[in-house]
Amino acid sequence: MQGQPAHPDQRPGRAGRPGRHPVRVRGHRQPARGGLMLDDLPGWGEVPTPAGRFRLVPVRLPADLDLLAGWMNDPEVDEFWTLAGPPAVTERHVRAQLDGDGRSVPCLGLLDGAPMSYWEVYRADLDPLAGHYPASPHDTGVHLLLGPATSRGRGLGAPLLAAVAELILRRRADCRRVVAEPDVRNRRSVRAFERAGFRAAAELDLPDKRAALMVRDRDSPPA
């Protein structure tokens, strides 16, 4: 199961063409780099899941680059993330977030201490995505890819998505919902979100894809 990368307007394409600058949403104060736009994600800690103990750890460069670039060059991953190529392609994509103002945090997902997934947790209300749906303040978005081929086809996507959604809603008191926008063609991803307690709210015509807007409300029962 593969999720999607950051909104296409924000990320480099195959040739490394930079996207446009992140959107500024009227009425939201724009904190300086390093502000806690995601409520201190590095301190969110570990959570139990049916598959084991899981935690999000912010990506470190260059330490994690070879691992991430290897995952991005898997054809199954590249079908939706389009970041195959030399490590510099992945580095540009990740570095743009690390050097930004904190609205998007790229993370490794560790299951029982082993890195097995890549996540982007981001402020959807401050993302270009907010121009395509009725965003609410502090909406928080997620993107996911399961890195090693051995992590796919095992039903891991749904429990991990459910755990991360619960973690976001627990740690971000102002967030009322978690959103995602997988490609509608990526049926495995859409089904995993549904099994994780997300509902399909709409289909969106984004610049590079037709996306299913998946929403996990704070008052939804846990998956």
C-alpha atoms as a PDB file:
ATOM      1  CA  MET A   1       0.000   0.000   0.000  1.00  0.00           C
ATOM      2  CA  GLN A   2       1.384   3.349  -1.023  1.00  0.00           C
ATOM      3  CA  GLY A   3       0.134   6.785  -0.096  1.00  0.00           C
ATOM      4  CA  GLN A   4       0.973   9.946  -1.952  1.00  0.00           C
ATOM      5  CA  PRO A   5       3.721  12.522  -1.575  1.00  0.00           C
ATOM      6  CA  ALA A   6       3.130  16.129  -0.655  1.00  0.00           C
ATOM      7  CA  HIS A   7       0.760  18.090  -2.843  1.00  0.00           C
ATOM      8  CA  PRO A   8       2.166  18.083  -6.415  1.00  0.00           C
ATOM      9  CA  ASP A   9       2.552  21.861  -6.461  1.00  0.00           C
ATOM     10  CA  GLN A  10       4.977  21.665  -3.532  1.00  0.00           C
ATOM     11  CA  ARG A  11       7.333  18.920  -4.624  1.00  0.00           C
ATOM     12  CA  PRO A  12       9.908  18.522  -7.389  1.00  0.00           C
ATOM     13  CA  GLY A  13       8.957  16.374 -10.332  1.00  0.00           C
ATOM     14  CA  ARG A  14      11.067  13.691 -11.980  1.00  0.00           C
ATOM     15  CA  ALA A  15      13.398  16.284 -13.424  1.00  0.00           C
ATOM     16  CA  GLY A  16      13.707  18.094 -10.103  1.00  0.00           C
ATOM     17  CA  ARG A  17      11.607  21.055 -11.150  1.00  0.00           C
ATOM     18  CA  PRO A  18      10.715  22.953  -7.991  1.00  0.00           C
ATOM     19  CA  GLY A  19       7.082  23.495  -7.101  1.00  0.00           C
ATOM     20  CA  ARG A  20       5.527  26.792  -6.201  1.00  0.00           C
ATOM     21  CA  HIS A  21       5.971  28.370  -2.805  1.00  0.00           C
ATOM     22  CA  PRO A  22       3.721  26.998  -0.035  1.00  0.00           C
ATOM     23  CA  VAL A  23       0.344  28.667   0.109  1.00  0.00           C
ATOM     24  CA  ARG A  24      -0.379  31.306   2.735  1.00  0.00           C
ATOM     25  CA  VAL A  25      -3.859  30.979   4.216  1.00  0.00           C
ATOM     26  CA  ARG A  26      -5.652  34.181   5.160  1.00  0.00           C
ATOM     27  CA  GLY A  27      -6.195  34.525   8.870  1.00  0.00           C
ATOM     28  CA  HIS A  28      -3.339  32.209   9.887  1.00  0.00           C
ATOM     29  CA  ARG A  29      -0.220  33.630  11.472  1.00  0.00           C
ATOM     30  CA  GLN A  30       2.901  32.350   9.704  1.00  0.00           C
ATOM     31  CA  PRO A  31       5.473  31.362  12.326  1.00  0.00           C
ATOM     32  CA  ALA A  32       9.167  31.555  11.695  1.00  0.00           C
ATOM     33  CA  ARG A  33      11.169  28.446  10.837  1.00  0.00           C
ATOM     34  CA  GLY A  34      11.293  26.133  13.815  1.00  0.00           C
ATOM     35  CA  GLY A  35       7.852  27.113  15.138  1.00  0.00           C
ATOM     36  CA  LEU A  36       5.786  24.303  16.609  1.00  0.00           C
ATOM     37  CA  MET A  37       3.250  24.167  13.794  1.00  0.00           C
ATOM     38  CA  LEU A  38       2.691  20.483  14.507  1.00  0.00           C
ATOM     39  CA  ASP A  39       2.869  20.623  18.299  1.00  0.00           C
ATOM     40  CA  ASP A  40       6.333  19.146  18.825  1.00  0.00           C
ATOM     41  CA  LEU A  41       5.949  16.028  16.694  1.00  0.00           C
ATOM     42  CA  PRO A  42       9.394  14.653  17.700  1.00  0.00           C
ATOM     43  CA  GLY A  43       8.080  14.273  21.248  1.00  0.00           C
ATOM     44  CA  TRP A  44       4.879  12.412  20.390  1.00  0.00           C
ATOM     45  CA  GLY A  45       6.325   9.101  21.546  1.00  0.00           C
ATOM     46  CA  GLU A  46       5.568   5.452  20.887  1.00  0.00           C
ATOM     47  CA  VAL A  47       2.125   3.868  20.473  1.00  0.00           C
ATOM     48  CA  PRO A  48       0.999   0.233  20.549  1.00  0.00           C
ATOM     49  CA  THR A  49      -0.540  -1.254  17.394  1.00  0.00           C
ATOM     50  CA  PRO A  50      -1.678  -4.789  16.537  1.00  0.00           C
ATOM     51  CA  ALA A  51       1.565  -5.115  14.553  1.00  0.00           C
ATOM     52  CA  GLY A  52       3.914  -3.928  17.320  1.00  0.00           C
ATOM     53  CA  ARG A  53       5.215  -0.749  18.931  1.00  0.00           C
ATOM     54  CA  PHE A  54       5.189   2.156  16.492  1.00  0.00           C
ATOM     55  CA  ARG A  55       6.679   5.630  16.530  1.00  0.00           C
ATOM     56  CA  LEU A  56       7.345   8.499  14.140  1.00  0.00           C
ATOM     57  CA  VAL A  57      10.909   9.828  14.039  1.00  0.00           C
ATOM     58  CA  PRO A  58      11.719  12.928  11.947  1.00  0.00           C
ATOM     59  CA  VAL A  59      13.993  12.158   8.996  1.00  0.00           C
ATOM     60  CA  ARG A  60      17.659  13.046   9.411  1.00  0.00           C
ATOM     61  CA  LEU A  61      19.810  13.995   6.431  1.00  0.00           C
ATOM     62  CA  PRO A  62      22.163  12.678   5.243  1.00  0.00           C
ATOM     63  CA  ALA A  63      21.857   9.712   7.628  1.00  0.00           C
ATOM     64  CA  ASP A  64      18.503   8.459   6.273  1.00  0.00           C
ATOM     65  CA  LEU A  65      18.949   9.410   2.629  1.00  0.00           C
ATOM     66  CA  ASP A  66      20.170   6.091   1.210  1.00  0.00           C
ATOM     67  CA  LEU A  67      17.324   4.216   2.876  1.00  0.00           C
ATOM     68  CA  LEU A  68      14.673   6.613   1.564  1.00  0.00           C
ATOM     69  CA  ALA A  69      16.157   6.811  -1.928  1.00  0.00           C
ATOM     70  CA  GLY A  70      16.185   3.021  -2.104  1.00  0.00           C
ATOM     71  CA  TRP A  71      12.486   2.920  -1.282  1.00  0.00           C
ATOM     72  CA  MET A  72      11.672   5.650  -3.803  1.00  0.00           C
ATOM     73  CA  ASN A  73      13.364   3.660  -6.570  1.00  0.00           C
ATOM     74  CA  ASP A  74      11.075   0.684  -6.079  1.00  0.00           C
ATOM     75  CA  PRO A  75       8.755   0.750  -9.151  1.00  0.00           C
ATOM     76  CA  GLU A  76       5.700   0.083  -6.959  1.00  0.00           C
ATOM     77  CA  VAL A  77       6.526   3.178  -4.879  1.00  0.00           C
ATOM     78  CA  ASP A  78       7.505   5.306  -7.852  1.00  0.00           C
ATOM     79  CA  GLU A  79       4.144   4.698  -9.534  1.00  0.00           C
ATOM     80  CA  PHE A  80       2.573   7.185  -7.127  1.00  0.00           C
ATOM     81  CA  TRP A  81       5.483   9.104  -5.567  1.00  0.00           C
ATOM     82  CA  THR A  82       7.431   9.783  -8.826  1.00  0.00           C
ATOM     83  CA  LEU A  83      10.709  10.358  -6.955  1.00  0.00           C
ATOM     84  CA  ALA A  84      12.826   7.631  -8.564  1.00  0.00           C
ATOM     85  CA  GLY A  85      16.346   8.606  -9.589  1.00  0.00           C
ATOM     86  CA  PRO A  86      19.606   9.430  -7.846  1.00  0.00           C
ATOM     87  CA  PRO A  87      19.538  10.209  -4.105  1.00  0.00           C
ATOM     88  CA  ALA A  88      19.615  13.937  -4.904  1.00  0.00           C
ATOM     89  CA  VAL A  89      16.001  13.700  -6.134  1.00  0.00           C
ATOM     90  CA  THR A  90      14.794  12.347  -2.787  1.00  0.00           C
ATOM     91  CA  GLU A  91      17.036  14.773  -0.919  1.00  0.00           C
ATOM     92  CA  ARG A  92      15.477  17.803  -2.644  1.00  0.00           C
ATOM     93  CA  HIS A  93      11.999  16.568  -1.778  1.00  0.00           C
ATOM     94  CA  VAL A  94      12.819  15.982   1.893  1.00  0.00           C
ATOM     95  CA  ARG A  95      15.104  18.992   2.305  1.00  0.00           C
ATOM     96  CA  ALA A  96      12.371  21.379   1.157  1.00  0.00           C
ATOM     97  CA  GLN A  97      10.340  20.280   4.178  1.00  0.00           C
ATOM     98  CA  LEU A  98      13.225  20.209   6.661  1.00  0.00           C
ATOM     99  CA  ASP A  99      14.291  23.718   5.644  1.00  0.00           C
ATOM    100  CA  GLY A 100      10.735  25.068   5.709  1.00  0.00           C
ATOM    101  CA  ASP A 101       8.735  26.621   8.523  1.00  0.00           C
ATOM    102  CA  GLY A 102       7.596  23.365  10.097  1.00  0.00           C
ATOM    103  CA  ARG A 103       4.247  23.006   8.343  1.00  0.00           C
ATOM    104  CA  SER A 104       5.326  19.598   6.967  1.00  0.00           C
ATOM    105  CA  VAL A 105       7.479  17.081   8.841  1.00  0.00           C
ATOM    106  CA  PRO A 106       8.974  14.106   6.969  1.00  0.00           C
ATOM    107  CA  CYS A 107       9.295  11.063   9.229  1.00  0.00           C
ATOM    108  CA  LEU A 108      10.422   7.484   9.326  1.00  0.00           C
ATOM    109  CA  GLY A 109       7.935   5.061  10.811  1.00  0.00           C
ATOM    110  CA  LEU A 110       9.617   2.597  13.168  1.00  0.00           C
ATOM    111  CA  LEU A 111       7.873  -0.666  14.000  1.00  0.00           C
ATOM    112  CA  ASP A 112       9.461  -2.377  17.004  1.00  0.00           C
ATOM    113  CA  GLY A 113      12.481  -0.153  16.383  1.00  0.00           C
ATOM    114  CA  ALA A 114      12.949  -1.024  12.692  1.00  0.00           C
ATOM    115  CA  PRO A 115      12.384   1.636   9.987  1.00  0.00           C
ATOM    116  CA  MET A 116       9.701   0.348   7.625  1.00  0.00           C
ATOM    117  CA  SER A 117       7.701   3.319   6.359  1.00  0.00           C
ATOM    118  CA  TYR A 118       7.972   6.957   5.316  1.00  0.00           C
ATOM    119  CA  TRP A 119       5.406   9.535   6.463  1.00  0.00           C
ATOM    120  CA  GLU A 120       4.712  13.187   5.868  1.00  0.00           C
ATOM    121  CA  VAL A 121       2.589  14.851   8.539  1.00  0.00           C
ATOM    122  CA  TYR A 122       1.554  18.308   7.397  1.00  0.00           C
ATOM    123  CA  ARG A 123      -0.750  21.226   8.067  1.00  0.00           C
ATOM    124  CA  ALA A 124      -3.373  20.626   5.394  1.00  0.00           C
ATOM    125  CA  ASP A 125      -4.982  23.983   6.125  1.00  0.00           C
ATOM    126  CA  LEU A 126      -1.740  25.719   5.099  1.00  0.00           C
ATOM    127  CA  ASP A 127      -1.097  23.495   2.070  1.00  0.00           C
ATOM    128  CA  PRO A 128      -2.206  24.121  -1.540  1.00  0.00           C
ATOM    129  CA  LEU A 129      -4.648  21.267  -0.888  1.00  0.00           C
ATOM    130  CA  ALA A 130      -6.707  23.765   1.138  1.00  0.00           C
ATOM    131  CA  GLY A 131      -7.672  25.464  -2.112  1.00  0.00           C
ATOM    132  CA  HIS A 132      -9.464  22.318  -3.249  1.00  0.00           C
ATOM    133  CA  TYR A 133     -11.697  21.485  -0.285  1.00  0.00           C
ATOM    134  CA  PRO A 134     -13.353  23.422   2.603  1.00  0.00           C
ATOM    135  CA  ALA A 135     -10.386  23.289   4.952  1.00  0.00           C
ATOM    136  CA  SER A 136     -10.742  24.016   8.642  1.00  0.00           C
ATOM    137  CA  PRO A 137      -8.050  25.533  10.895  1.00  0.00           C
ATOM    138  CA  HIS A 138      -5.486  22.969  12.028  1.00  0.00           C
ATOM    139  CA  ASP A 139      -6.588  20.228   9.618  1.00  0.00           C
ATOM    140  CA  THR A 140      -3.654  17.817   9.601  1.00  0.00           C
ATOM    141  CA  GLY A 141      -2.738  15.711   6.601  1.00  0.00           C
ATOM    142  CA  VAL A 142      -0.793  12.478   6.236  1.00  0.00           C
ATOM    143  CA  HIS A 143       1.048  10.742   3.402  1.00  0.00           C
ATOM    144  CA  LEU A 144       2.401   7.225   3.775  1.00  0.00           C
ATOM    145  CA  LEU A 145       4.507   4.717   1.931  1.00  0.00           C
ATOM    146  CA  LEU A 146       5.458   1.291   3.189  1.00  0.00           C
ATOM    147  CA  GLY A 147       9.127   1.061   2.267  1.00  0.00           C
ATOM    148  CA  PRO A 148      10.393  -2.517   2.161  1.00  0.00           C
ATOM    149  CA  ALA A 149       8.479  -4.842  -0.159  1.00  0.00           C
ATOM    150  CA  THR A 150       8.222  -7.244   2.789  1.00  0.00           C
ATOM    151  CA  SER A 151       6.073  -4.670   4.619  1.00  0.00           C
ATOM    152  CA  ARG A 152       3.437  -4.651   1.872  1.00  0.00           C
ATOM    153  CA  GLY A 153       0.570  -7.036   1.411  1.00  0.00           C
ATOM    154  CA  ARG A 154       0.475  -7.802   5.137  1.00  0.00           C
ATOM    155  CA  GLY A 155      -2.381  -5.513   6.129  1.00  0.00           C
ATOM    156  CA  LEU A 156      -0.050  -3.095   7.943  1.00  0.00           C
ATOM    157  CA  GLY A 157      -1.332   0.093   6.323  1.00  0.00           C
ATOM    158  CA  ALA A 158      -4.697   0.282   8.098  1.00  0.00           C
ATOM    159  CA  PRO A 159      -3.502  -0.273  11.697  1.00  0.00           C
ATOM    160  CA  LEU A 160      -0.612   2.140  11.251  1.00  0.00           C
ATOM    161  CA  LEU A 161      -2.863   4.810   9.729  1.00  0.00           C
ATOM    162  CA  ALA A 162      -5.341   4.349  12.562  1.00  0.00           C
ATOM    163  CA  ALA A 163      -2.565   4.665  15.135  1.00  0.00           C
ATOM    164  CA  VAL A 164      -1.124   7.812  13.542  1.00  0.00           C
ATOM    165  CA  ALA A 165      -4.563   9.416  13.235  1.00  0.00           C
ATOM    166  CA  GLU A 166      -5.231   8.732  16.922  1.00  0.00           C
ATOM    167  CA  LEU A 167      -1.783  10.078  17.800  1.00  0.00           C
ATOM    168  CA  ILE A 168      -2.374  13.302  15.857  1.00  0.00           C
ATOM    169  CA  LEU A 169      -5.782  13.871  17.430  1.00  0.00           C
ATOM    170  CA  ARG A 170      -4.419  13.169  20.904  1.00  0.00           C
ATOM    171  CA  ARG A 171      -1.332  15.364  20.574  1.00  0.00           C
ATOM    172  CA  ARG A 172      -2.885  18.210  18.549  1.00  0.00           C
ATOM    173  CA  ALA A 173      -5.711  19.588  20.682  1.00  0.00           C
ATOM    174  CA  ASP A 174      -6.734  22.162  18.040  1.00  0.00           C
ATOM    175  CA  CYS A 175      -6.991  19.584  15.253  1.00  0.00           C
ATOM    176  CA  ARG A 176     -10.544  18.378  14.626  1.00  0.00           C
ATOM    177  CA  ARG A 177      -9.801  16.058  11.718  1.00  0.00           C
ATOM    178  CA  VAL A 178      -7.043  14.220   9.877  1.00  0.00           C
ATOM    179  CA  VAL A 179      -7.161  14.224   6.079  1.00  0.00           C
ATOM    180  CA  ALA A 180      -5.448  12.495   3.179  1.00  0.00           C
ATOM    181  CA  GLU A 181      -5.717  12.641  -0.618  1.00  0.00           C
ATOM    182  CA  PRO A 182      -4.613   9.359  -2.228  1.00  0.00           C
ATOM    183  CA  ASP A 183      -4.910   8.926  -5.970  1.00  0.00           C
ATOM    184  CA  VAL A 184      -8.307   7.399  -6.748  1.00  0.00           C
ATOM    185  CA  ARG A 185      -6.501   4.760  -8.839  1.00  0.00           C
ATOM    186  CA  ASN A 186      -4.657   3.584  -5.735  1.00  0.00           C
ATOM    187  CA  ARG A 187      -7.420   1.342  -4.470  1.00  0.00           C
ATOM    188  CA  ARG A 188      -5.215  -0.403  -1.897  1.00  0.00           C
ATOM    189  CA  SER A 189      -4.434   2.944  -0.310  1.00  0.00           C
ATOM    190  CA  VAL A 190      -8.069   4.087  -0.291  1.00  0.00           C
ATOM    191  CA  ARG A 191      -9.197   0.802   1.269  1.00  0.00           C
ATOM    192  CA  ALA A 192      -6.506   1.042   3.940  1.00  0.00           C
ATOM    193  CA  PHE A 193      -7.698   4.536   4.888  1.00  0.00           C
ATOM    194  CA  GLU A 194     -11.286   3.289   5.068  1.00  0.00           C
ATOM    195  CA  ARG A 195     -10.283   0.387   7.316  1.00  0.00           C
ATOM    196  CA  ALA A 196      -8.415   2.904   9.489  1.00  0.00           C
ATOM    197  CA  GLY A 197     -11.597   4.852  10.220  1.00  0.00           C
ATOM    198  CA  PHE A 198     -11.390   7.460   7.448  1.00  0.00           C
ATOM    199  CA  ARG A 199     -14.397   8.235   5.271  1.00  0.00           C
ATOM    200  CA  ALA A 200     -14.346   9.162   1.590  1.00  0.00           C
ATOM    201  CA  ALA A 201     -15.653  12.736   1.642  1.00  0.00           C
ATOM    202  CA  ALA A 202     -15.164  13.795  -1.989  1.00  0.00           C
ATOM    203  CA  GLU A 203     -13.120  13.400  -5.132  1.00  0.00           C
ATOM    204  CA  LEU A 204     -10.763  16.279  -5.926  1.00  0.00           C
ATOM    205  CA  ASP A 205      -9.208  17.336  -9.212  1.00  0.00           C
ATOM    206  CA  LEU A 206      -5.659  18.213  -8.147  1.00  0.00           C
ATOM    207  CA  PRO A 207      -2.979  19.382 -10.611  1.00  0.00           C
ATOM    208  CA  ASP A 208      -1.359  15.945 -11.024  1.00  0.00           C
ATOM    209  CA  LYS A 209      -4.123  13.523 -10.080  1.00  0.00           C
ATOM    210  CA  ARG A 210      -7.742  12.887  -9.246  1.00  0.00           C
ATOM    211  CA  ALA A 211      -7.716  12.286  -5.515  1.00  0.00           C
ATOM    212  CA  ALA A 212     -10.020  10.749  -2.963  1.00  0.00           C
ATOM    213  CA  LEU A 213     -10.382  13.131  -0.013  1.00  0.00           C
ATOM    214  CA  MET A 214     -10.253  10.869   3.043  1.00  0.00           C
ATOM    215  CA  VAL A 215     -11.294  12.332   6.400  1.00  0.00           C
ATOM    216  CA  ARG A 216     -10.960  11.021   9.948  1.00  0.00           C
ATOM    217  CA  ASP A 217     -13.048  13.210  12.266  1.00  0.00           C
ATOM    218  CA  ARG A 218     -12.170  13.648  15.931  1.00  0.00           C
ATOM    219  CA  ASP A 219     -15.584  12.354  16.955  1.00  0.00           C
ATOM    220  CA  SER A 220     -15.378   9.273  14.690  1.00  0.00           C
ATOM    221  CA  PRO A 221     -15.119   5.967  16.549  1.00  0.00           C
ATOM    222  CA  PRO A 222     -11.595   4.489  16.455  1.00  0.00           C
ATOM    223  CA  ALA A 223     -11.027   1.864  13.779  1.00  0.00           C
END
